[in-house]
Protein backbone atom coordinates (compact mmCIF):
# COMPACT_ATOMS: atom_id res chain seq x y z
CA MET A 1 0.00 0.00 0.00
CA LYS A 2 2.33 2.67 -1.23
CA ASN A 3 -0.40 4.90 -2.67
CA LEU A 4 -2.55 5.61 0.39
CA ASN A 5 -3.33 9.21 -0.61
CA SER A 6 -4.26 8.13 -4.13
CA ILE A 7 -6.39 5.26 -2.78
CA ARG A 8 -8.24 7.73 -0.55
CA ASN A 9 -9.39 9.54 -3.71
CA THR A 10 -11.27 6.41 -4.81
CA PHE A 11 -13.69 6.53 -1.87
CA VAL A 12 -17.42 6.33 -2.63
CA ARG A 13 -19.99 7.11 0.05
CA GLN A 14 -23.23 5.16 0.22
CA SER A 15 -26.40 7.17 -0.37
CA ALA A 16 -28.89 4.88 1.37
CA GLN A 17 -28.91 2.39 4.22
CA SER A 18 -28.98 -0.61 1.86
CA ASP A 19 -26.49 0.35 -0.86
CA CYS A 20 -23.22 -0.14 1.04
CA GLY A 21 -22.38 -3.11 -1.23
CA LEU A 22 -22.97 -1.01 -4.34
CA ALA A 23 -20.67 1.74 -3.01
CA CYS A 24 -17.96 -0.84 -2.18
CA LEU A 25 -18.12 -2.25 -5.72
CA ALA A 26 -17.90 1.29 -7.14
CA MET A 27 -14.73 1.87 -5.08
CA VAL A 28 -13.12 -1.25 -6.54
CA LEU A 29 -14.05 -0.10 -10.06
CA ILE A 30 -12.45 3.30 -9.48
CA TYR A 31 -9.43 1.59 -7.92
CA SER A 32 -8.94 -0.31 -11.19
CA GLY A 33 -9.32 2.87 -13.28
CA ARG A 34 -12.98 2.40 -14.30
CA LYS A 35 -14.45 5.64 -13.00
CA ASN A 36 -17.07 5.85 -15.75
CA ASP A 37 -18.19 2.30 -15.02
CA ALA A 38 -18.51 3.21 -11.33
CA ALA A 39 -20.67 6.21 -12.25
CA SER A 40 -22.86 3.98 -14.46
CA LEU A 41 -23.16 1.43 -11.66
CA LEU A 42 -24.33 4.06 -9.17
CA MET A 43 -26.69 5.79 -11.61
CA GLU A 44 -28.29 2.74 -13.22
CA SER A 45 -28.51 0.12 -10.46
CA ARG A 46 -31.49 -0.48 -8.22
CA VAL A 47 -30.69 -1.99 -4.84
CA PRO A 48 -33.22 -4.21 -3.03
CA GLU A 49 -34.44 -2.99 0.34
CA ASN A 50 -32.36 -5.61 2.14
CA GLY A 51 -29.23 -4.79 0.08
CA LEU A 52 -27.04 -6.86 -2.22
CA SER A 53 -25.53 -10.27 -1.51
CA LEU A 54 -21.92 -11.18 -2.27
CA LEU A 55 -23.14 -13.36 -5.14
CA GLU A 56 -25.10 -10.48 -6.70
CA MET A 57 -22.09 -8.21 -6.30
CA ARG A 58 -19.88 -10.81 -8.01
CA ARG A 59 -22.26 -10.88 -10.99
CA LEU A 60 -22.23 -7.08 -11.19
CA ALA A 61 -18.42 -7.06 -11.02
CA GLU A 62 -18.18 -9.58 -13.86
CA ARG A 63 -20.53 -7.45 -15.93
CA PHE A 64 -17.94 -4.67 -15.76
CA GLY A 65 -15.01 -6.95 -16.60
CA LEU A 66 -13.69 -7.70 -13.11
CA THR A 67 -12.73 -11.21 -12.03
CA ALA A 68 -14.14 -11.88 -8.56
CA ARG A 69 -14.73 -14.88 -6.30
CA CYS A 70 -16.95 -15.33 -3.25
CA VAL A 71 -14.58 -16.82 -0.69
CA SER A 72 -14.09 -17.52 2.98
CA MET A 73 -10.78 -16.19 4.24
CA ASP A 74 -9.13 -15.18 7.48
CA VAL A 75 -7.27 -12.09 8.65
CA ALA A 76 -3.89 -13.66 7.90
CA THR A 77 -4.87 -13.89 4.23
CA LEU A 78 -5.65 -10.16 4.15
CA ARG A 79 -2.06 -9.45 5.23
CA ARG A 80 -0.68 -11.15 2.13
CA THR A 81 -3.15 -9.94 -0.48
CA SER A 82 -2.28 -7.02 -2.74
CA CYS A 83 -5.78 -6.64 -4.22
CA PRO A 84 -8.85 -5.11 -2.56
CA SER A 85 -11.51 -7.37 -1.06
CA ILE A 86 -15.09 -6.59 -0.03
CA LEU A 87 -15.74 -7.93 3.48
CA HIS A 88 -19.13 -8.87 4.91
CA ILE A 89 -19.15 -7.51 8.47
CA ILE A 90 -21.53 -6.68 11.32
CA ASP A 91 -21.51 -2.99 12.30
CA GLU A 92 -21.88 -1.47 15.77
CA THR A 93 -25.68 -1.59 15.58
CA GLY A 94 -25.69 -5.31 14.80
CA ASP A 95 -26.72 -4.84 11.16
CA PRO A 96 -24.96 -6.55 8.22
CA HIS A 97 -22.63 -4.23 6.35
CA PHE A 98 -19.92 -4.24 3.67
CA MET A 99 -16.55 -2.51 3.56
CA VAL A 100 -13.47 -2.69 1.34
CA CYS A 101 -10.13 -3.89 2.73
CA TYR A 102 -6.97 -2.90 0.84
CA GLY A 103 -4.52 -4.95 2.88
CA GLY A 104 -2.58 -4.89 6.13
CA LEU A 105 0.33 -2.84 7.42
CA LYS A 106 2.46 -3.83 10.39
CA LYS A 107 2.90 -0.98 12.87
CA GLY A 108 5.20 -1.98 15.67
CA ARG A 109 4.11 -5.39 16.95
CA SER A 110 0.49 -5.15 15.78
CA TRP A 111 -1.23 -5.18 12.40
CA GLN A 112 -3.41 -2.38 11.07
CA TYR A 113 -5.73 -2.79 8.08
CA PHE A 114 -6.63 -0.03 5.66
CA VAL A 115 -10.38 -0.20 5.05
CA ALA A 116 -13.08 1.89 3.39
CA ASP A 117 -16.40 2.07 5.21
CA PRO A 118 -18.91 3.51 2.68
CA ALA A 119 -21.00 4.91 5.55
CA ARG A 120 -17.99 6.87 6.81
CA LYS A 121 -14.52 7.19 5.28
CA MET A 122 -11.25 5.34 4.74
CA HIS A 123 -9.20 4.63 7.84
CA PHE A 124 -6.94 2.14 9.57
CA ILE A 125 -8.55 -0.47 11.83
CA SER A 126 -6.82 -2.71 14.35
CA GLU A 127 -6.74 -6.48 13.87
CA ASP A 128 -8.83 -7.02 17.01
CA ASP A 129 -11.56 -4.63 15.82
CA LEU A 130 -11.56 -6.18 12.36
CA THR A 131 -11.81 -9.70 13.74
CA ALA A 132 -14.69 -8.67 16.01
CA ALA A 133 -16.66 -7.15 13.13
CA TRP A 134 -15.76 -9.76 10.48
CA LYS A 135 -17.02 -12.90 12.17
CA SER A 136 -18.42 -14.45 8.98
CA ASN A 137 -15.02 -14.42 7.20
CA ALA A 138 -17.04 -14.04 4.00
CA ALA A 139 -15.55 -11.83 1.30
CA LEU A 140 -15.60 -10.96 -2.38
CA TYR A 141 -12.02 -11.34 -3.55
CA PHE A 142 -10.81 -9.62 -6.73
CA GLU A 143 -7.97 -11.18 -8.66
CA ASP A 144 -5.15 -9.46 -10.54
CA ILE A 145 -6.35 -5.88 -10.11
CA LEU A 146 -3.72 -3.21 -10.68
CA PHE A 147 -4.18 0.16 -9.03
CA LYS A 148 -4.88 2.93 -11.54
CA GLY A 149 -7.21 5.22 -9.61
CA LEU A 150 -8.51 8.51 -10.90
CA PRO A 151 -7.02 10.70 -13.65
CA CYS A 152 -4.70 13.44 -12.38
CA ARG A 153 -7.31 16.12 -13.06
CA GLU A 154 -9.67 14.48 -10.53
CA ARG A 155 -7.18 13.77 -7.73
CA ALA A 156 -6.56 15.70 -4.52
CA TRP A 157 -7.91 19.27 -4.80
CA MET A 158 -8.15 19.40 -8.59
CA PRO A 159 -11.97 18.97 -8.76
CA LEU A 160 -12.36 22.29 -6.92
CA LEU A 161 -10.47 24.17 -9.64
CA THR A 162 -12.78 23.10 -12.47
CA ILE A 163 -15.44 25.78 -12.01
CA ARG A 164 -16.54 26.15 -15.63
CA SER A 165 -18.22 29.59 -15.51
CA PHE A 166 -15.39 31.20 -13.50
CA PRO A 167 -12.63 32.64 -15.76
CA LYS A 168 -9.28 31.04 -14.99
CA GLY A 169 -7.53 34.41 -15.06
CA LEU A 170 -9.51 35.55 -12.03
CA TRP A 171 -7.84 32.85 -9.91
CA PHE A 172 -4.56 34.79 -10.29
CA SER A 173 -6.25 38.09 -9.47
CA ILE A 174 -7.13 36.97 -5.92
CA PRO A 175 -3.55 36.73 -4.55
CA PHE A 176 -2.54 39.83 -6.54
CA LEU A 177 -5.36 41.91 -5.03
CA ASN A 178 -4.56 40.59 -1.55
CA VAL A 179 -0.90 41.58 -1.91
CA CYS A 180 -1.96 45.05 -3.07
CA ILE A 181 -4.23 45.44 -0.02
CA THR A 182 -1.38 44.39 2.28
CA LEU A 183 1.13 46.76 0.67
CA LEU A 184 -1.32 49.66 0.86
CA GLY A 185 -1.94 48.82 4.52
CA ILE A 186 1.82 48.96 5.17
CA ALA A 187 2.03 52.25 3.30
CA LEU A 188 -0.83 53.63 5.37
CA SER A 189 0.92 52.66 8.61
CA TRP A 190 4.21 54.19 7.44
CA VAL A 191 2.57 57.48 6.48
CA LEU A 192 0.76 57.64 9.82
CA GLN A 193 3.97 56.97 11.73
CA ARG A 194 6.57 58.93 9.79
CA GLY A 195 4.69 61.43 7.66
CA ILE A 196 2.61 63.06 10.37
CA GLU A 197 5.53 63.02 12.82
CA ASP A 198 7.81 64.83 10.32
CA SER A 199 5.12 67.32 9.35
CA LEU A 200 4.33 68.20 12.97
CA THR A 201 8.03 68.51 13.78
CA GLY A 202 8.52 70.89 10.87
CA LYS A 203 5.34 72.82 11.81
CA LYS A 204 4.48 73.34 8.14
CA GLN A 205 0.74 73.49 7.51
CA SER A 206 1.16 72.68 3.81
CA LEU A 207 3.06 69.48 4.65
CA VAL A 208 0.32 68.42 7.07
CA ILE A 209 -2.32 68.91 4.35
CA ALA A 210 -0.21 66.93 1.84
CA VAL A 211 0.18 64.04 4.28
CA LEU A 212 -3.57 64.01 4.99
CA LEU A 213 -4.33 63.97 1.25
CA LEU A 214 -1.88 61.09 0.79
CA LEU A 215 -3.59 59.18 3.59
CA LEU A 216 -6.96 59.80 1.95
CA ILE A 217 -5.71 58.56 -1.44
CA ILE A 218 -4.14 55.43 0.04
CA THR A 219 -7.29 54.68 2.02
CA ILE A 220 -9.52 55.10 -1.05
CA PHE A 221 -7.32 52.84 -3.20
CA LYS A 222 -7.16 50.23 -0.44
CA SER A 223 -10.96 50.23 -0.09
CA MET A 224 -11.45 50.01 -3.85
CA ILE A 225 -9.11 47.04 -4.17
CA ALA A 226 -10.81 45.33 -1.21
CA TYR A 227 -14.16 45.90 -2.95
CA ILE A 228 -12.85 44.42 -6.21
CA LYS A 229 -11.52 41.36 -4.34
CA GLN A 230 -14.89 40.90 -2.66
CA ARG A 231 -16.64 41.10 -6.03
CA VAL A 232 -14.31 38.43 -7.42
CA LEU A 233 -15.10 36.13 -4.48
CA ILE A 234 -18.84 36.74 -4.98
CA LYS A 235 -18.48 35.85 -8.65
CA LEU A 236 -16.64 32.67 -7.65
CA ASN A 237 -19.40 31.74 -5.21
CA ASN A 238 -22.05 32.36 -7.87
CA ALA A 239 -20.11 30.16 -10.31
CA VAL A 240 -20.04 27.34 -7.75
CA ASN A 241 -23.79 27.74 -7.20
CA GLU A 242 -24.46 27.66 -10.94
CA GLN A 243 -22.34 24.56 -11.53
CA TYR A 244 -23.63 22.54 -8.61
CA LEU A 245 -26.79 23.82 -6.91
CA THR A 246 -28.64 25.33 -9.88
CA SER A 247 -27.89 22.36 -12.13
CA TYR A 248 -28.90 19.92 -9.36
CA ILE A 249 -32.25 21.65 -8.86
CA ARG A 250 -32.79 21.57 -12.61
CA LYS A 251 -32.13 17.80 -12.68
CA ILE A 252 -34.64 17.23 -9.87
CA VAL A 253 -37.34 19.32 -11.55
CA TYR A 254 -36.88 17.73 -14.98
CA LYS A 255 -35.96 14.24 -13.65
CA GLN A 256 -32.74 14.19 -15.71
CA ASP A 257 -29.46 12.33 -15.00
CA LEU A 258 -30.63 11.09 -11.61
CA PRO A 259 -29.95 7.61 -10.16
CA GLN A 260 -32.46 4.90 -11.04
CA ALA A 261 -33.29 4.60 -7.35
CA GLY A 262 -34.43 8.23 -7.39
CA VAL A 263 -33.85 10.97 -4.82
CA ASN A 264 -35.44 10.81 -1.38
CA ASN A 265 -35.16 13.10 1.63
CA ARG A 266 -31.99 11.34 2.83
CA THR A 267 -30.12 11.59 -0.49
CA LEU A 268 -31.36 15.15 -1.03
CA LYS A 269 -29.91 16.18 2.34
CA ILE A 270 -26.62 14.43 1.55
CA HIS A 271 -26.28 16.10 -1.86
CA LEU A 272 -27.12 19.56 -0.50
CA THR A 273 -24.55 19.04 2.27
CA ASP A 274 -21.98 18.08 -0.37
CA ILE A 275 -22.71 21.29 -2.27
CA GLN A 276 -22.25 23.32 0.92
CA LYS A 277 -18.91 21.59 1.57
CA ILE A 278 -17.81 22.38 -1.99
CA GLN A 279 -18.70 26.05 -1.52
CA ASN A 280 -16.81 26.21 1.78
CA ALA A 281 -13.79 24.51 0.23
CA VAL A 282 -13.66 26.80 -2.81
CA SER A 283 -14.04 29.86 -0.58
CA GLY A 284 -11.33 28.55 1.74
CA PHE A 285 -8.99 27.85 -1.15
CA ALA A 286 -9.49 31.34 -2.60
CA SER A 287 -9.57 33.42 0.59
CA VAL A 288 -7.00 31.45 2.62
CA MET A 289 -4.66 29.38 0.43
CA LEU A 290 -4.35 31.88 -2.43
CA SER A 291 -4.42 34.98 -0.20
CA GLU A 292 -2.71 34.08 3.07
CA GLY A 293 -0.50 31.51 1.32
CA VAL A 294 0.95 34.07 -1.06
CA LEU A 295 1.47 36.51 1.82
CA ILE A 296 3.43 33.86 3.73
CA LEU A 297 5.66 33.27 0.71
CA LEU A 298 6.29 37.01 0.29
CA VAL A 299 7.10 37.52 3.98
CA LEU A 300 9.26 34.39 4.01
CA SER A 301 11.17 35.67 0.97
CA GLY A 302 11.80 38.96 2.75
CA VAL A 303 13.02 37.16 5.89
CA ILE A 304 15.36 34.94 3.85
CA TYR A 305 16.75 38.00 2.04
CA THR A 306 17.28 39.86 5.33
CA GLU A 307 18.64 36.98 7.40
CA PRO A 308 19.04 33.57 5.68
CA VAL A 309 19.28 31.62 8.96
CA ALA A 310 15.98 33.03 10.26
CA GLY A 311 14.45 32.41 6.83
CA LEU A 312 15.50 28.74 6.85
CA ILE A 313 14.06 28.29 10.35
CA ASN A 314 10.72 29.69 9.19
CA ALA A 315 10.82 27.64 5.99
CA GLY A 316 11.43 24.44 7.98
CA TYR A 317 8.59 25.33 10.31
CA LEU A 318 6.27 25.98 7.35
CA ILE A 319 7.07 22.66 5.66
CA ALA A 320 6.72 20.71 8.93
CA MET A 321 3.31 22.21 9.71
CA LEU A 322 1.99 21.54 6.22
CA ILE A 323 3.09 17.89 6.47
CA VAL A 324 1.41 17.55 9.88
CA ALA A 325 -1.80 19.14 8.58
CA ALA A 326 -1.85 16.90 5.50
CA LYS A 327 -1.28 13.83 7.69
CA ASN A 328 -3.97 14.77 10.23
CA SER A 329 -6.56 15.84 7.67
CA PRO A 330 -7.80 12.28 6.78
CA GLU A 331 -8.17 11.39 10.46
CA ILE A 332 -10.22 14.51 11.21
CA ALA A 333 -12.32 13.85 8.10
CA TYR A 334 -12.97 10.27 9.23
CA GLN A 335 -14.01 11.31 12.73
CA THR A 336 -16.28 14.02 11.31
CA ALA A 337 -17.84 11.47 8.93
CA CYS A 338 -18.45 9.09 11.87
CA LEU A 339 -20.10 11.92 13.75
CA ASN A 340 -22.31 12.79 10.78
CA GLU A 341 -23.24 9.14 10.26
CA MET A 342 -24.17 8.78 13.93
CA SER A 343 -26.24 11.97 13.81
CA GLY A 344 -28.01 10.85 10.63
CA ARG A 345 -28.81 7.42 12.06
CA ALA A 346 -30.26 8.92 15.24
CA GLU A 347 -32.26 11.43 13.20
CA ASN A 348 -33.66 8.69 10.94
CA GLN A 349 -34.70 6.61 13.94
CA LEU A 350 -36.49 9.60 15.48
CA SER A 351 -38.23 10.13 12.15
CA ASP A 352 -39.29 6.46 12.17
CA GLU A 353 -40.62 7.01 15.70
CA LEU A 354 -42.85 9.83 14.47
CA LYS A 355 -44.10 7.64 11.63
CA GLY A 356 -44.76 4.71 13.94
CA LEU A 357 -42.22 2.52 12.12
CA PHE A 358 -39.83 1.83 14.97
CA GLY A 359 -40.91 -1.75 15.61
CA LYS A 360 -42.48 -3.59 18.53
CA MET A 361 -40.37 -2.14 21.32
CA ASN A 362 -42.31 -0.73 24.28
CA PRO A 363 -42.22 3.06 24.88
CA GLU A 364 -39.74 2.83 27.74
CA SER A 365 -37.28 0.80 25.65
CA ARG A 366 -37.65 3.19 22.71
CA LEU A 367 -37.01 6.16 25.00
CA MET A 368 -33.84 4.55 26.36
CA HIS A 369 -32.71 3.73 22.82
CA HIS A 370 -33.10 7.34 21.61
CA HIS A 371 -31.38 8.67 24.73
CA ARG A 372 -28.49 6.27 24.12
CA ASN A 373 -28.17 7.52 20.53
CA HIS A 374 -28.17 11.11 21.78
CA HIS A 375 -25.50 10.48 24.43
CA GLN A 376 -23.31 8.58 21.96
CA TYR A 377 -23.52 11.50 19.56
CA LEU A 378 -22.64 14.04 22.28
CA SER A 379 -19.72 11.89 23.44
CA SER A 380 -18.35 11.61 19.89
CA ALA A 381 -18.86 15.34 19.31
CA ARG A 382 -16.83 16.12 22.44
CA GLN A 383 -14.05 13.81 21.27
CA VAL A 384 -13.90 15.46 17.84
CA ALA A 385 -13.95 18.96 19.35
CA THR A 386 -11.22 17.98 21.84
CA ARG A 387 -9.02 16.56 19.09
CA ILE A 388 -9.41 19.69 16.95
CA SER A 389 -8.61 21.86 19.99
CA ARG A 390 -5.47 19.81 20.58
CA TYR A 391 -4.37 20.32 17.00
CA ASN A 392 -4.93 24.09 17.33
CA LEU A 393 -2.97 24.11 20.60
CA PHE A 394 -0.18 22.20 18.88
CA TYR A 395 -0.07 24.74 16.04
CA GLU A 396 0.03 27.64 18.51
CA CYS A 397 2.77 26.09 20.64
CA THR A 398 4.96 25.20 17.66
CA GLY A 399 4.41 28.72 16.28
CA ALA A 400 5.54 30.24 19.58
CA LEU A 401 8.55 27.91 19.63
CA ASN A 402 9.45 28.98 16.09
CA VAL A 403 9.33 32.67 17.11
CA LEU A 404 11.48 31.97 20.18
CA ILE A 405 14.11 30.17 18.08
CA VAL A 406 14.24 33.06 15.59
CA PHE A 407 14.45 35.54 18.48
CA SER A 408 17.35 33.59 20.06
CA VAL A 409 19.26 33.48 16.77
CA CYS A 410 18.75 37.23 16.27
CA ILE A 411 19.86 38.03 19.85
CA PHE A 412 23.02 36.00 19.28
CA LYS A 413 23.76 37.91 16.06
CA MET A 414 22.96 41.27 17.66
CA GLU A 415 25.43 40.57 20.49
CA LYS A 416 28.08 39.91 17.85
CA MET A 417 27.20 43.28 16.24
CA GLU A 418 25.96 41.51 13.10
CA MET A 419 22.37 42.78 13.40
CA SER A 420 20.63 45.93 14.56
CA TYR A 421 17.72 46.03 16.99
CA GLY A 422 15.38 47.26 14.24
CA ILE A 423 16.15 44.24 12.03
CA LEU A 424 15.69 41.94 15.04
CA MET A 425 12.18 43.29 15.66
CA ILE A 426 11.26 43.03 11.96
CA LEU A 427 12.35 39.38 11.83
CA VAL A 428 10.54 38.45 15.07
CA ILE A 429 7.33 40.19 14.02
CA SER A 430 7.52 38.58 10.58
CA SER A 431 8.01 35.14 12.17
CA TYR A 432 4.98 35.71 14.40
CA PHE A 433 2.98 36.83 11.35
CA ILE A 434 3.94 33.61 9.53
CA ALA A 435 2.96 31.48 12.55
CA VAL A 436 -0.49 33.08 12.76
CA LEU A 437 -1.19 32.61 9.04
CA ILE A 438 0.07 29.01 9.00
CA GLN A 439 -2.53 28.05 11.62
CA LYS A 440 -5.27 29.41 9.35
CA ILE A 441 -3.88 27.48 6.40
CA CYS A 442 -3.66 24.21 8.37
CA ASN A 443 -7.30 24.56 9.43
CA ALA A 444 -8.30 25.38 5.84
CA ILE A 445 -6.61 22.21 4.54
CA VAL A 446 -9.22 20.08 6.37
CA VAL A 447 -12.11 22.07 4.88
CA ILE A 448 -10.62 21.97 1.37
CA THR A 449 -9.92 18.22 1.56
CA GLU A 450 -13.50 17.51 2.61
CA GLY A 451 -14.81 19.77 -0.16
CA ALA A 452 -12.72 18.01 -2.81
CA ASP A 453 -14.05 14.64 -1.65
CA ALA A 454 -17.62 16.02 -1.66
CA SER A 455 -17.07 17.18 -5.25
CA ARG A 456 -16.03 13.66 -6.29
CA GLN A 457 -19.04 12.13 -4.51
CA PHE A 458 -21.40 14.62 -6.14
CA SER A 459 -19.87 13.94 -9.55
CA LEU A 460 -20.34 10.19 -9.16
CA ASN A 461 -23.92 10.32 -7.89
CA CYS A 462 -25.38 13.31 -9.72
CA THR A 463 -23.49 13.64 -13.00
CA GLN A 464 -24.10 11.72 -16.17
CA LYS A 465 -21.27 9.45 -17.29
CA GLN A 466 -18.59 11.21 -19.30
CA HIS A 467 -17.33 9.44 -22.44
């Protein structure tokens, strides 16, 4: 499993309670480079109310040219296999479920298995947890499948950059406008500090008026550029709405390019949530990555030019934080998906309660069941919030450590008469500025990653097959 990040891009989320097997088969198709076949499978297949069996999934796989066998295997076999397998498991609620296993990886003395749960996300699971869930040992094994995955244009964040009605040139205008706003802000601060001080010292009324006019001009230009940037972001948001939301509403009204199973309240909510995630991701990419990211590069360039050692320290800190954020992003996405799945399941069961479809349990048992769902959701929500808070604390502490290291290096050079106090303060303030912006970028990476995945899910479930 050398392509974990690429394999993550092949994830397919189930749209209904009974189509987990269909989503698993679509993941295997995308894994083997058959993305169009996966889209056809999801759009054209009708799943029985009780779901698909392994035998039915094998027949569907053979229809799309995959060689598959219904087998009984153990965990030790999964360690040796290099091809994905669909496992028949029992989930936490005691219901039958399917998930894809891509193989095992030894971490220390224990084995971890990389699996894709279509109700949640891809993640590593311990051997004990896998054995507890996979008691049947039944699986659909695929032979001689080579990993091809998605085309480059559909991997990672690329789906977010294919907004058809948004001119490509405007992407470059966003960082340019942000740099202009920053430079005008610096100019405004300099004029306020130096210009007015010099004019008051000289006691020349004409110089005071000239400085005030210059301040007015700078302020007007800064406001105009900020307005233009805001208009560009509004145009980008409208383009996202046109490509996703407007077209989706049109498909629902005219019943075009929708799955054979149709769209119910559950799938409608999922698709609208995907669209919201896409909007948040595109906005985050434009307003954080393109804006704050370019500012960090400019400030870092200035620090490297002024003091190479301080610049290298900041560059190392930047690279380390981006690696940590990229590594933590899938874990946060998985925990968020688990939380959403738990919330959706509890909401559906409450809806069934209102409709009188909850079964033959007595009222007291039903009350305890709903309370248990609620407490489980709150407990998971606290865990997710705590983990995110820990990541933010980690970013803040490492940022403070980075500033302290730069400050120590500058103090050492100032004592050797190799640096002035003014340069020291500029480098320390610049390092602090970089640390603050990096935390925003690390948080935006999670939002953008989720939005890119939502774009792929929306494309698979709501877009006609592309030839």
